[in-house]
Amino acid sequence: MSPRAPLPSLSISFVCFSSSRGGLELMLVRLAHSLWELGHSAFLVSPPGSAIEQESHRLGILHYALSPKFKYLDPRAAGYLRRYFIKHSTQVVVVGTSKDISTVVLVKKHLK
């Protein structure tokens, strides 16, 4: 059996606007860190001062601080995310909570 060819590196952004320090938030950071260690570009997006921001800095993972003004469908936050995704050539977005999906979908609609 021949060895497998290495998979191409991906640019993955993790978006979670939760300021909590729970299992969801810490698992996203661990997942981003694991993918980063495998050679992918992993970025975390969360509110400034959040547990996600603190843990990403501790682990040396790039973090973008962003606090949406609205809980759902925030056009301003979507604009900032759009510029961030373009700057980092984001190919995959992992959204941490269902309430954040509408803002990320708005970004996708404007990237076409």
PDB file of N, CA and C in Angstrom:
ATOM      1  N   MET A   1       0.850  -1.173   0.000  1.00  0.00           N
ATOM      2  CA  MET A   1       0.000   0.000   0.000  1.00  0.00           C
ATOM      3  C   MET A   1       0.898   1.241   0.000  1.00  0.00           C
ATOM      4  N   SER A   2       0.613   2.174  -0.880  1.00  0.00           N
ATOM      5  CA  SER A   2       1.429   3.380  -0.974  1.00  0.00           C
ATOM      6  C   SER A   2       1.010   4.387   0.101  1.00  0.00           C
ATOM      7  N   PRO A   3       1.975   5.217   0.529  1.00  0.00           N
ATOM      8  CA  PRO A   3       1.639   6.214   1.558  1.00  0.00           C
ATOM      9  C   PRO A   3       0.672   7.254   1.000  1.00  0.00           C
ATOM     10  N   ARG A   4      -0.148   7.760   1.882  1.00  0.00           N
ATOM     11  CA  ARG A   4      -1.113   8.794   1.505  1.00  0.00           C
ATOM     12  C   ARG A   4      -0.415  10.117   1.262  1.00  0.00           C
ATOM     13  N   ALA A   5      -0.888  10.830   0.263  1.00  0.00           N
ATOM     14  CA  ALA A   5      -0.384  12.182   0.009  1.00  0.00           C
ATOM     15  C   ALA A   5      -0.922  13.102   1.091  1.00  0.00           C
ATOM     16  N   PRO A   6      -0.130  14.062   1.534  1.00  0.00           N
ATOM     17  CA  PRO A   6      -0.618  14.976   2.572  1.00  0.00           C
ATOM     18  C   PRO A   6      -1.793  15.814   2.052  1.00  0.00           C
ATOM     19  N   LEU A   7      -2.718  16.078   2.929  1.00  0.00           N
ATOM     20  CA  LEU A   7      -3.854  16.912   2.560  1.00  0.00           C
ATOM     21  C   LEU A   7      -3.414  18.368   2.459  1.00  0.00           C
ATOM     22  N   PRO A   8      -4.061  19.143   1.592  1.00  0.00           N
ATOM     23  CA  PRO A   8      -3.691  20.559   1.492  1.00  0.00           C
ATOM     24  C   PRO A   8      -4.080  21.303   2.774  1.00  0.00           C
ATOM     25  N   SER A   9      -3.319  22.316   3.076  1.00  0.00           N
ATOM     26  CA  SER A   9      -3.595  23.136   4.253  1.00  0.00           C
ATOM     27  C   SER A   9      -4.846  23.984   4.010  1.00  0.00           C
ATOM     28  N   LEU A  10      -5.658  24.126   5.027  1.00  0.00           N
ATOM     29  CA  LEU A  10      -6.871  24.935   4.949  1.00  0.00           C
ATOM     30  C   LEU A  10      -6.749  26.166   5.831  1.00  0.00           C
ATOM     31  N   SER A  11      -7.490  27.196   5.480  1.00  0.00           N
ATOM     32  CA  SER A  11      -7.611  28.383   6.315  1.00  0.00           C
ATOM     33  C   SER A  11      -9.000  28.329   6.951  1.00  0.00           C
ATOM     34  N   ILE A  12      -9.027  28.113   8.267  1.00  0.00           N
ATOM     35  CA  ILE A  12     -10.280  27.867   8.984  1.00  0.00           C
ATOM     36  C   ILE A  12     -10.498  28.949  10.039  1.00  0.00           C
ATOM     37  N   SER A  13     -11.671  29.561  10.009  1.00  0.00           N
ATOM     38  CA  SER A  13     -12.037  30.550  11.024  1.00  0.00           C
ATOM     39  C   SER A  13     -13.125  29.973  11.911  1.00  0.00           C
ATOM     40  N   PHE A  14     -12.958  30.153  13.209  1.00  0.00           N
ATOM     41  CA  PHE A  14     -13.932  29.719  14.206  1.00  0.00           C
ATOM     42  C   PHE A  14     -14.600  30.966  14.763  1.00  0.00           C
ATOM     43  N   VAL A  15     -15.924  31.045  14.641  1.00  0.00           N
ATOM     44  CA  VAL A  15     -16.667  32.222  15.078  1.00  0.00           C
ATOM     45  C   VAL A  15     -17.580  31.834  16.229  1.00  0.00           C
ATOM     46  N   CYS A  16     -17.430  32.527  17.349  1.00  0.00           N
ATOM     47  CA  CYS A  16     -18.303  32.306  18.495  1.00  0.00           C
ATOM     48  C   CYS A  16     -18.391  33.618  19.281  1.00  0.00           C
ATOM     49  N   PHE A  17     -19.567  34.221  19.272  1.00  0.00           N
ATOM     50  CA  PHE A  17     -19.742  35.507  19.944  1.00  0.00           C
ATOM     51  C   PHE A  17     -20.146  35.366  21.410  1.00  0.00           C
ATOM     52  N   SER A  18     -19.921  34.217  21.986  1.00  0.00           N
ATOM     53  CA  SER A  18     -20.211  33.991  23.395  1.00  0.00           C
ATOM     54  C   SER A  18     -19.047  34.495  24.250  1.00  0.00           C
ATOM     55  N   SER A  19     -19.383  35.144  25.340  1.00  0.00           N
ATOM     56  CA  SER A  19     -18.350  35.602  26.274  1.00  0.00           C
ATOM     57  C   SER A  19     -18.170  34.635  27.440  1.00  0.00           C
ATOM     58  N   SER A  20     -18.913  33.550  27.420  1.00  0.00           N
ATOM     59  CA  SER A  20     -18.867  32.576  28.513  1.00  0.00           C
ATOM     60  C   SER A  20     -17.566  31.778  28.496  1.00  0.00           C
ATOM     61  N   ARG A  21     -17.340  31.059  29.582  1.00  0.00           N
ATOM     62  CA  ARG A  21     -16.185  30.168  29.684  1.00  0.00           C
ATOM     63  C   ARG A  21     -16.726  28.765  29.990  1.00  0.00           C
ATOM     64  N   GLY A  22     -17.294  28.160  28.972  1.00  0.00           N
ATOM     65  CA  GLY A  22     -17.884  26.844  29.151  1.00  0.00           C
ATOM     66  C   GLY A  22     -17.262  25.842  28.194  1.00  0.00           C
ATOM     67  N   GLY A  23     -17.871  24.679  28.150  1.00  0.00           N
ATOM     68  CA  GLY A  23     -17.350  23.606  27.318  1.00  0.00           C
ATOM     69  C   GLY A  23     -17.347  23.937  25.838  1.00  0.00           C
ATOM     70  N   LEU A  24     -18.399  24.587  25.356  1.00  0.00           N
ATOM     71  CA  LEU A  24     -18.487  24.945  23.946  1.00  0.00           C
ATOM     72  C   LEU A  24     -17.318  25.843  23.540  1.00  0.00           C
ATOM     73  N   GLU A  25     -17.109  26.884  24.301  1.00  0.00           N
ATOM     74  CA  GLU A  25     -16.063  27.855  23.973  1.00  0.00           C
ATOM     75  C   GLU A  25     -14.673  27.221  24.032  1.00  0.00           C
ATOM     76  N   LEU A  26     -14.419  26.484  25.091  1.00  0.00           N
ATOM     77  CA  LEU A  26     -13.091  25.882  25.242  1.00  0.00           C
ATOM     78  C   LEU A  26     -12.850  24.773  24.231  1.00  0.00           C
ATOM     79  N   MET A  27     -13.914  24.063  23.832  1.00  0.00           N
ATOM     80  CA  MET A  27     -13.757  23.022  22.810  1.00  0.00           C
ATOM     81  C   MET A  27     -13.414  23.636  21.455  1.00  0.00           C
ATOM     82  N   LEU A  28     -14.004  24.785  21.136  1.00  0.00           N
ATOM     83  CA  LEU A  28     -13.655  25.453  19.880  1.00  0.00           C
ATOM     84  C   LEU A  28     -12.180  25.829  19.856  1.00  0.00           C
ATOM     85  N   VAL A  29     -11.684  26.325  20.982  1.00  0.00           N
ATOM     86  CA  VAL A  29     -10.267  26.694  21.053  1.00  0.00           C
ATOM     87  C   VAL A  29      -9.397  25.449  20.903  1.00  0.00           C
ATOM     88  N   ARG A  30      -9.779  24.363  21.559  1.00  0.00           N
ATOM     89  CA  ARG A  30      -8.996  23.117  21.442  1.00  0.00           C
ATOM     90  C   ARG A  30      -8.999  22.590  20.015  1.00  0.00           C
ATOM     91  N   LEU A  31     -10.148  22.645  19.369  1.00  0.00           N
ATOM     92  CA  LEU A  31     -10.253  22.185  17.983  1.00  0.00           C
ATOM     93  C   LEU A  31      -9.387  23.055  17.067  1.00  0.00           C
ATOM     94  N   ALA A  32      -9.462  24.366  17.241  1.00  0.00           N
ATOM     95  CA  ALA A  32      -8.634  25.273  16.441  1.00  0.00           C
ATOM     96  C   ALA A  32      -7.154  24.988  16.667  1.00  0.00           C
ATOM     97  N   HIS A  33      -6.780  24.774  17.913  1.00  0.00           N
ATOM     98  CA  HIS A  33      -5.384  24.491  18.240  1.00  0.00           C
ATOM     99  C   HIS A  33      -4.931  23.175  17.616  1.00  0.00           C
ATOM    100  N   SER A  34      -5.761  22.154  17.674  1.00  0.00           N
ATOM    101  CA  SER A  34      -5.413  20.856  17.084  1.00  0.00           C
ATOM    102  C   SER A  34      -5.217  20.976  15.574  1.00  0.00           C
ATOM    103  N   LEU A  35      -6.099  21.708  14.910  1.00  0.00           N
ATOM    104  CA  LEU A  35      -5.965  21.893  13.460  1.00  0.00           C
ATOM    105  C   LEU A  35      -4.731  22.730  13.127  1.00  0.00           C
ATOM    106  N   TRP A  36      -4.453  23.719  13.956  1.00  0.00           N
ATOM    107  CA  TRP A  36      -3.259  24.551  13.782  1.00  0.00           C
ATOM    108  C   TRP A  36      -1.996  23.695  13.907  1.00  0.00           C
ATOM    109  N   GLU A  37      -1.990  22.792  14.880  1.00  0.00           N
ATOM    110  CA  GLU A  37      -0.839  21.901  15.052  1.00  0.00           C
ATOM    111  C   GLU A  37      -0.667  20.950  13.865  1.00  0.00           C
ATOM    112  N   LEU A  38      -1.757  20.641  13.166  1.00  0.00           N
ATOM    113  CA  LEU A  38      -1.689  19.781  11.983  1.00  0.00           C
ATOM    114  C   LEU A  38      -1.259  20.540  10.728  1.00  0.00           C
ATOM    115  N   GLY A  39      -1.039  21.838  10.869  1.00  0.00           N
ATOM    116  CA  GLY A  39      -0.539  22.625   9.752  1.00  0.00           C
ATOM    117  C   GLY A  39      -1.552  23.499   9.053  1.00  0.00           C
ATOM    118  N   HIS A  40      -2.771  23.552   9.572  1.00  0.00           N
ATOM    119  CA  HIS A  40      -3.787  24.419   8.979  1.00  0.00           C
ATOM    120  C   HIS A  40      -3.684  25.811   9.594  1.00  0.00           C
ATOM    121  N   SER A  41      -4.210  26.796   8.886  1.00  0.00           N
ATOM    122  CA  SER A  41      -4.312  28.140   9.444  1.00  0.00           C
ATOM    123  C   SER A  41      -5.625  28.206  10.215  1.00  0.00           C
ATOM    124  N   ALA A  42      -5.552  28.409  11.503  1.00  0.00           N
ATOM    125  CA  ALA A  42      -6.749  28.456  12.343  1.00  0.00           C
ATOM    126  C   ALA A  42      -6.834  29.820  13.010  1.00  0.00           C
ATOM    127  N   PHE A  43      -8.012  30.416  12.946  1.00  0.00           N
ATOM    128  CA  PHE A  43      -8.247  31.738  13.508  1.00  0.00           C
ATOM    129  C   PHE A  43      -9.505  31.697  14.352  1.00  0.00           C
ATOM    130  N   LEU A  44      -9.510  32.438  15.447  1.00  0.00           N
ATOM    131  CA  LEU A  44     -10.679  32.489  16.322  1.00  0.00           C
ATOM    132  C   LEU A  44     -11.253  33.901  16.330  1.00  0.00           C
ATOM    133  N   VAL A  45     -12.569  33.998  16.289  1.00  0.00           N
ATOM    134  CA  VAL A  45     -13.265  35.281  16.345  1.00  0.00           C
ATOM    135  C   VAL A  45     -14.230  35.220  17.521  1.00  0.00           C
ATOM    136  N   SER A  46     -14.074  36.158  18.453  1.00  0.00           N
ATOM    137  CA  SER A  46     -14.957  36.218  19.620  1.00  0.00           C
ATOM    138  C   SER A  46     -14.879  37.624  20.217  1.00  0.00           C
ATOM    139  N   PRO A  47     -15.749  37.920  21.173  1.00  0.00           N
ATOM    140  CA  PRO A  47     -15.716  39.243  21.799  1.00  0.00           C
ATOM    141  C   PRO A  47     -14.403  39.501  22.538  1.00  0.00           C
ATOM    142  N   PRO A  48     -14.003  40.762  22.612  1.00  0.00           N
ATOM    143  CA  PRO A  48     -12.792  41.090  23.374  1.00  0.00           C
ATOM    144  C   PRO A  48     -12.966  40.727  24.846  1.00  0.00           C
ATOM    145  N   GLY A  49     -11.930  40.181  25.443  1.00  0.00           N
ATOM    146  CA  GLY A  49     -11.951  39.805  26.847  1.00  0.00           C
ATOM    147  C   GLY A  49     -12.618  38.473  27.122  1.00  0.00           C
ATOM    148  N   SER A  50     -13.094  37.798  26.096  1.00  0.00           N
ATOM    149  CA  SER A  50     -13.774  36.514  26.297  1.00  0.00           C
ATOM    150  C   SER A  50     -12.778  35.410  26.640  1.00  0.00           C
ATOM    151  N   ALA A  51     -13.306  34.305  27.135  1.00  0.00           N
ATOM    152  CA  ALA A  51     -12.462  33.148  27.436  1.00  0.00           C
ATOM    153  C   ALA A  51     -11.777  32.640  26.166  1.00  0.00           C
ATOM    154  N   ILE A  52     -12.482  32.722  25.040  1.00  0.00           N
ATOM    155  CA  ILE A  52     -11.891  32.294  23.770  1.00  0.00           C
ATOM    156  C   ILE A  52     -10.672  33.147  23.445  1.00  0.00           C
ATOM    157  N   GLU A  53     -10.796  34.448  23.617  1.00  0.00           N
ATOM    158  CA  GLU A  53      -9.654  35.332  23.345  1.00  0.00           C
ATOM    159  C   GLU A  53      -8.488  35.003  24.283  1.00  0.00           C
ATOM    160  N   GLN A  54      -8.764  34.844  25.557  1.00  0.00           N
ATOM    161  CA  GLN A  54      -7.712  34.552  26.530  1.00  0.00           C
ATOM    162  C   GLN A  54      -6.995  33.252  26.197  1.00  0.00           C
ATOM    163  N   GLU A  55      -7.755  32.208  25.890  1.00  0.00           N
ATOM    164  CA  GLU A  55      -7.154  30.912  25.586  1.00  0.00           C
ATOM    165  C   GLU A  55      -6.406  30.927  24.255  1.00  0.00           C
ATOM    166  N   SER A  56      -6.935  31.645  23.276  1.00  0.00           N
ATOM    167  CA  SER A  56      -6.234  31.705  21.985  1.00  0.00           C
ATOM    168  C   SER A  56      -4.882  32.396  22.140  1.00  0.00           C
ATOM    169  N   HIS A  57      -4.832  33.456  22.926  1.00  0.00           N
ATOM    170  CA  HIS A  57      -3.547  34.136  23.166  1.00  0.00           C
ATOM    171  C   HIS A  57      -2.584  33.224  23.927  1.00  0.00           C
ATOM    172  N   ARG A  58      -3.114  32.490  24.879  1.00  0.00           N
ATOM    173  CA  ARG A  58      -2.268  31.577  25.656  1.00  0.00           C
ATOM    174  C   ARG A  58      -1.646  30.505  24.765  1.00  0.00           C
ATOM    175  N   LEU A  59      -2.422  30.042  23.779  1.00  0.00           N
ATOM    176  CA  LEU A  59      -1.940  28.977  22.894  1.00  0.00           C
ATOM    177  C   LEU A  59      -1.247  29.493  21.636  1.00  0.00           C
ATOM    178  N   GLY A  60      -1.236  30.800  21.444  1.00  0.00           N
ATOM    179  CA  GLY A  60      -0.568  31.371  20.286  1.00  0.00           C
ATOM    180  C   GLY A  60      -1.355  31.286  18.989  1.00  0.00           C
ATOM    181  N   ILE A  61      -2.682  31.228  19.097  1.00  0.00           N
ATOM    182  CA  ILE A  61      -3.543  31.169  17.909  1.00  0.00           C
ATOM    183  C   ILE A  61      -4.063  32.579  17.623  1.00  0.00           C
ATOM    184  N   LEU A  62      -4.064  32.947  16.352  1.00  0.00           N
ATOM    185  CA  LEU A  62      -4.530  34.271  15.958  1.00  0.00           C
ATOM    186  C   LEU A  62      -5.985  34.472  16.370  1.00  0.00           C
ATOM    187  N   HIS A  63      -6.275  35.621  16.978  1.00  0.00           N
ATOM    188  CA  HIS A  63      -7.624  35.944  17.446  1.00  0.00           C
ATOM    189  C   HIS A  63      -8.032  37.297  16.907  1.00  0.00           C
ATOM    190  N   TYR A  64      -9.292  37.387  16.502  1.00  0.00           N
ATOM    191  CA  TYR A  64      -9.871  38.648  16.046  1.00  0.00           C
ATOM    192  C   TYR A  64     -11.016  38.988  16.994  1.00  0.00           C
ATOM    193  N   ALA A  65     -10.892  40.111  17.696  1.00  0.00           N
ATOM    194  CA  ALA A  65     -11.908  40.518  18.672  1.00  0.00           C
ATOM    195  C   ALA A  65     -13.041  41.264  17.970  1.00  0.00           C
ATOM    196  N   LEU A  66     -14.249  40.767  18.157  1.00  0.00           N
ATOM    197  CA  LEU A  66     -15.412  41.388  17.534  1.00  0.00           C
ATOM    198  C   LEU A  66     -16.637  41.139  18.412  1.00  0.00           C
ATOM    199  N   SER A  67     -17.358  42.207  18.729  1.00  0.00           N
ATOM    200  CA  SER A  67     -18.599  42.107  19.510  1.00  0.00           C
ATOM    201  C   SER A  67     -19.753  42.613  18.654  1.00  0.00           C
ATOM    202  N   PRO A  68     -20.637  41.724  18.241  1.00  0.00           N
ATOM    203  CA  PRO A  68     -21.797  42.192  17.487  1.00  0.00           C
ATOM    204  C   PRO A  68     -22.701  43.057  18.356  1.00  0.00           C
ATOM    205  N   LYS A  69     -23.342  44.014  17.722  1.00  0.00           N
ATOM    206  CA  LYS A  69     -24.284  44.874  18.438  1.00  0.00           C
ATOM    207  C   LYS A  69     -25.617  44.156  18.632  1.00  0.00           C
ATOM    208  N   PHE A  70     -25.973  43.317  17.643  1.00  0.00           N
ATOM    209  CA  PHE A  70     -27.238  42.600  17.694  1.00  0.00           C
ATOM    210  C   PHE A  70     -26.997  41.112  17.896  1.00  0.00           C
ATOM    211  N   LYS A  71     -27.915  40.452  18.588  1.00  0.00           N
ATOM    212  CA  LYS A  71     -27.780  39.016  18.862  1.00  0.00           C
ATOM    213  C   LYS A  71     -27.892  38.196  17.577  1.00  0.00           C
ATOM    214  N   TYR A  72     -28.767  38.623  16.662  1.00  0.00           N
ATOM    215  CA  TYR A  72     -28.965  37.920  15.397  1.00  0.00           C
ATOM    216  C   TYR A  72     -28.764  38.891  14.237  1.00  0.00           C
ATOM    217  N   LEU A  73     -28.234  38.387  13.151  1.00  0.00           N
ATOM    218  CA  LEU A  73     -28.127  39.112  11.889  1.00  0.00           C
ATOM    219  C   LEU A  73     -27.598  40.536  12.061  1.00  0.00           C
ATOM    220  N   ASP A  74     -26.344  40.651  12.409  1.00  0.00           N
ATOM    221  CA  ASP A  74     -25.715  41.946  12.617  1.00  0.00           C
ATOM    222  C   ASP A  74     -24.933  42.350  11.361  1.00  0.00           C
ATOM    223  N   PRO A  75     -25.461  43.305  10.565  1.00  0.00           N
ATOM    224  CA  PRO A  75     -24.795  43.698   9.323  1.00  0.00           C
ATOM    225  C   PRO A  75     -23.407  44.315   9.544  1.00  0.00           C
ATOM    226  N   ARG A  76     -23.248  45.090  10.594  1.00  0.00           N
ATOM    227  CA  ARG A  76     -21.953  45.711  10.863  1.00  0.00           C
ATOM    228  C   ARG A  76     -20.907  44.640  11.165  1.00  0.00           C
ATOM    229  N   ALA A  77     -21.255  43.699  12.040  1.00  0.00           N
ATOM    230  CA  ALA A  77     -20.330  42.607  12.374  1.00  0.00           C
ATOM    231  C   ALA A  77     -20.035  41.768  11.129  1.00  0.00           C
ATOM    232  N   ALA A  78     -21.049  41.558  10.290  1.00  0.00           N
ATOM    233  CA  ALA A  78     -20.845  40.792   9.054  1.00  0.00           C
ATOM    234  C   ALA A  78     -19.837  41.494   8.149  1.00  0.00           C
ATOM    235  N   GLY A  79     -19.892  42.812   8.093  1.00  0.00           N
ATOM    236  CA  GLY A  79     -18.931  43.572   7.285  1.00  0.00           C
ATOM    237  C   GLY A  79     -17.505  43.389   7.782  1.00  0.00           C
ATOM    238  N   TYR A  80     -17.327  43.451   9.094  1.00  0.00           N
ATOM    239  CA  TYR A  80     -15.996  43.225   9.671  1.00  0.00           C
ATOM    240  C   TYR A  80     -15.532  41.798   9.409  1.00  0.00           C
ATOM    241  N   LEU A  81     -16.424  40.818   9.583  1.00  0.00           N
ATOM    242  CA  LEU A  81     -16.060  39.418   9.324  1.00  0.00           C
ATOM    243  C   LEU A  81     -15.676  39.225   7.864  1.00  0.00           C
ATOM    244  N   ARG A  82     -16.422  39.835   6.970  1.00  0.00           N
ATOM    245  CA  ARG A  82     -16.133  39.713   5.534  1.00  0.00           C
ATOM    246  C   ARG A  82     -14.700  40.152   5.237  1.00  0.00           C
ATOM    247  N   ARG A  83     -14.335  41.316   5.724  1.00  0.00           N
ATOM    248  CA  ARG A  83     -12.964  41.826   5.495  1.00  0.00           C
ATOM    249  C   ARG A  83     -11.925  40.890   6.123  1.00  0.00           C
ATOM    250  N   TYR A  84     -12.224  40.387   7.304  1.00  0.00           N
ATOM    251  CA  TYR A  84     -11.313  39.471   7.989  1.00  0.00           C
ATOM    252  C   TYR A  84     -11.153  38.168   7.200  1.00  0.00           C
ATOM    253  N   PHE A  85     -12.272  37.612   6.733  1.00  0.00           N
ATOM    254  CA  PHE A  85     -12.216  36.363   5.972  1.00  0.00           C
ATOM    255  C   PHE A  85     -11.429  36.541   4.673  1.00  0.00           C
ATOM    256  N   ILE A  86     -11.623  37.667   4.013  1.00  0.00           N
ATOM    257  CA  ILE A  86     -10.878  37.934   2.769  1.00  0.00           C
ATOM    258  C   ILE A  86      -9.393  38.081   3.074  1.00  0.00           C
ATOM    259  N   LYS A  87      -9.063  38.846   4.095  1.00  0.00           N
ATOM    260  CA  LYS A  87      -7.663  39.078   4.463  1.00  0.00           C
ATOM    261  C   LYS A  87      -6.926  37.768   4.744  1.00  0.00           C
ATOM    262  N   HIS A  88      -7.610  36.815   5.379  1.00  0.00           N
ATOM    263  CA  HIS A  88      -6.971  35.557   5.763  1.00  0.00           C
ATOM    264  C   HIS A  88      -7.326  34.394   4.832  1.00  0.00           C
ATOM    265  N   SER A  89      -7.939  34.719   3.691  1.00  0.00           N
ATOM    266  CA  SER A  89      -8.302  33.699   2.689  1.00  0.00           C
ATOM    267  C   SER A  89      -9.047  32.528   3.318  1.00  0.00           C
ATOM    268  N   THR A  90     -10.000  32.840   4.171  1.00  0.00           N
ATOM    269  CA  THR A  90     -10.759  31.805   4.880  1.00  0.00           C
ATOM    270  C   THR A  90     -11.496  30.908   3.896  1.00  0.00           C
ATOM    271  N   GLN A  91     -11.295  29.605   4.065  1.00  0.00           N
ATOM    272  CA  GLN A  91     -11.966  28.614   3.223  1.00  0.00           C
ATOM    273  C   GLN A  91     -13.107  27.918   3.959  1.00  0.00           C
ATOM    274  N   VAL A  92     -12.962  27.784   5.267  1.00  0.00           N
ATOM    275  CA  VAL A  92     -13.950  27.080   6.082  1.00  0.00           C
ATOM    276  C   VAL A  92     -14.260  27.941   7.305  1.00  0.00           C
ATOM    277  N   VAL A  93     -15.547  28.026   7.639  1.00  0.00           N
ATOM    278  CA  VAL A  93     -15.957  28.744   8.848  1.00  0.00           C
ATOM    279  C   VAL A  93     -16.712  27.762   9.740  1.00  0.00           C
ATOM    280  N   VAL A  94     -16.284  27.678  10.987  1.00  0.00           N
ATOM    281  CA  VAL A  94     -16.972  26.870  11.993  1.00  0.00           C
ATOM    282  C   VAL A  94     -17.663  27.848  12.930  1.00  0.00           C
ATOM    283  N   VAL A  95     -18.984  27.711  13.051  1.00  0.00           N
ATOM    284  CA  VAL A  95     -19.767  28.625  13.882  1.00  0.00           C
ATOM    285  C   VAL A  95     -20.120  27.909  15.176  1.00  0.00           C
ATOM    286  N   GLY A  96     -19.803  28.561  16.304  1.00  0.00           N
ATOM    287  CA  GLY A  96     -19.968  27.929  17.607  1.00  0.00           C
ATOM    288  C   GLY A  96     -21.394  27.842  18.114  1.00  0.00           C
ATOM    289  N   THR A  97     -22.198  28.867  17.884  1.00  0.00           N
ATOM    290  CA  THR A  97     -23.566  28.855  18.402  1.00  0.00           C
ATOM    291  C   THR A  97     -24.556  29.175  17.277  1.00  0.00           C
ATOM    292  N   SER A  98     -25.750  28.640  17.382  1.00  0.00           N
ATOM    293  CA  SER A  98     -26.747  28.820  16.319  1.00  0.00           C
ATOM    294  C   SER A  98     -27.124  30.289  16.126  1.00  0.00           C
ATOM    295  N   LYS A  99     -27.084  31.078  17.188  1.00  0.00           N
ATOM    296  CA  LYS A  99     -27.447  32.490  17.038  1.00  0.00           C
ATOM    297  C   LYS A  99     -26.438  33.261  16.185  1.00  0.00           C
ATOM    298  N   ASP A 100     -25.241  32.745  16.029  1.00  0.00           N
ATOM    299  CA  ASP A 100     -24.214  33.420  15.233  1.00  0.00           C
ATOM    300  C   ASP A 100     -24.289  33.069  13.746  1.00  0.00           C
ATOM    301  N   ILE A 101     -25.074  32.058  13.411  1.00  0.00           N
ATOM    302  CA  ILE A 101     -25.142  31.596  12.022  1.00  0.00           C
ATOM    303  C   ILE A 101     -25.654  32.688  11.092  1.00  0.00           C
ATOM    304  N   SER A 102     -26.683  33.428  11.500  1.00  0.00           N
ATOM    305  CA  SER A 102     -27.277  34.429  10.607  1.00  0.00           C
ATOM    306  C   SER A 102     -26.257  35.495  10.198  1.00  0.00           C
ATOM    307  N   THR A 103     -25.402  35.912  11.105  1.00  0.00           N
ATOM    308  CA  THR A 103     -24.386  36.912  10.770  1.00  0.00           C
ATOM    309  C   THR A 103     -23.355  36.328   9.815  1.00  0.00           C
ATOM    310  N   VAL A 104     -22.949  35.086  10.029  1.00  0.00           N
ATOM    311  CA  VAL A 104     -21.957  34.458   9.151  1.00  0.00           C
ATOM    312  C   VAL A 104     -22.557  34.189   7.773  1.00  0.00           C
ATOM    313  N   VAL A 105     -23.833  33.807   7.705  1.00  0.00           N
ATOM    314  CA  VAL A 105     -24.486  33.584   6.410  1.00  0.00           C
ATOM    315  C   VAL A 105     -24.552  34.894   5.627  1.00  0.00           C
ATOM    316  N   LEU A 106     -24.783  35.980   6.310  1.00  0.00           N
ATOM    317  CA  LEU A 106     -24.788  37.295   5.648  1.00  0.00           C
ATOM    318  C   LEU A 106     -23.432  37.569   5.001  1.00  0.00           C
ATOM    319  N   VAL A 107     -22.368  37.183   5.646  1.00  0.00           N
ATOM    320  CA  VAL A 107     -21.016  37.326   5.077  1.00  0.00           C
ATOM    321  C   VAL A 107     -20.912  36.495   3.809  1.00  0.00           C
ATOM    322  N   LYS A 108     -21.339  35.260   3.875  1.00  0.00           N
ATOM    323  CA  LYS A 108     -21.241  34.359   2.720  1.00  0.00           C
ATOM    324  C   LYS A 108     -22.005  34.920   1.529  1.00  0.00           C
ATOM    325  N   LYS A 109     -23.176  35.470   1.757  1.00  0.00           N
ATOM    326  CA  LYS A 109     -23.968  36.018   0.661  1.00  0.00           C
ATOM    327  C   LYS A 109     -23.245  37.174  -0.031  1.00  0.00           C
ATOM    328  N   HIS A 110     -22.414  37.909   0.715  1.00  0.00           N
ATOM    329  CA  HIS A 110     -21.709  39.056   0.133  1.00  0.00           C
ATOM    330  C   HIS A 110     -20.320  38.713  -0.388  1.00  0.00           C
ATOM    331  N   LEU A 111     -19.899  37.464  -0.258  1.00  0.00           N
ATOM    332  CA  LEU A 111     -18.589  37.049  -0.780  1.00  0.00           C
ATOM    333  C   LEU A 111     -18.690  36.515  -2.203  1.00  0.00           C
ATOM    334  N   LYS A 112     -19.890  36.320  -2.692  1.00  0.00           N
ATOM    335  CA  LYS A 112     -20.064  35.773  -4.049  1.00  0.00           C
ATOM    336  C   LYS A 112     -19.777  36.800  -5.110  1.00  0.00           C
TER     337      LYS A 112
END
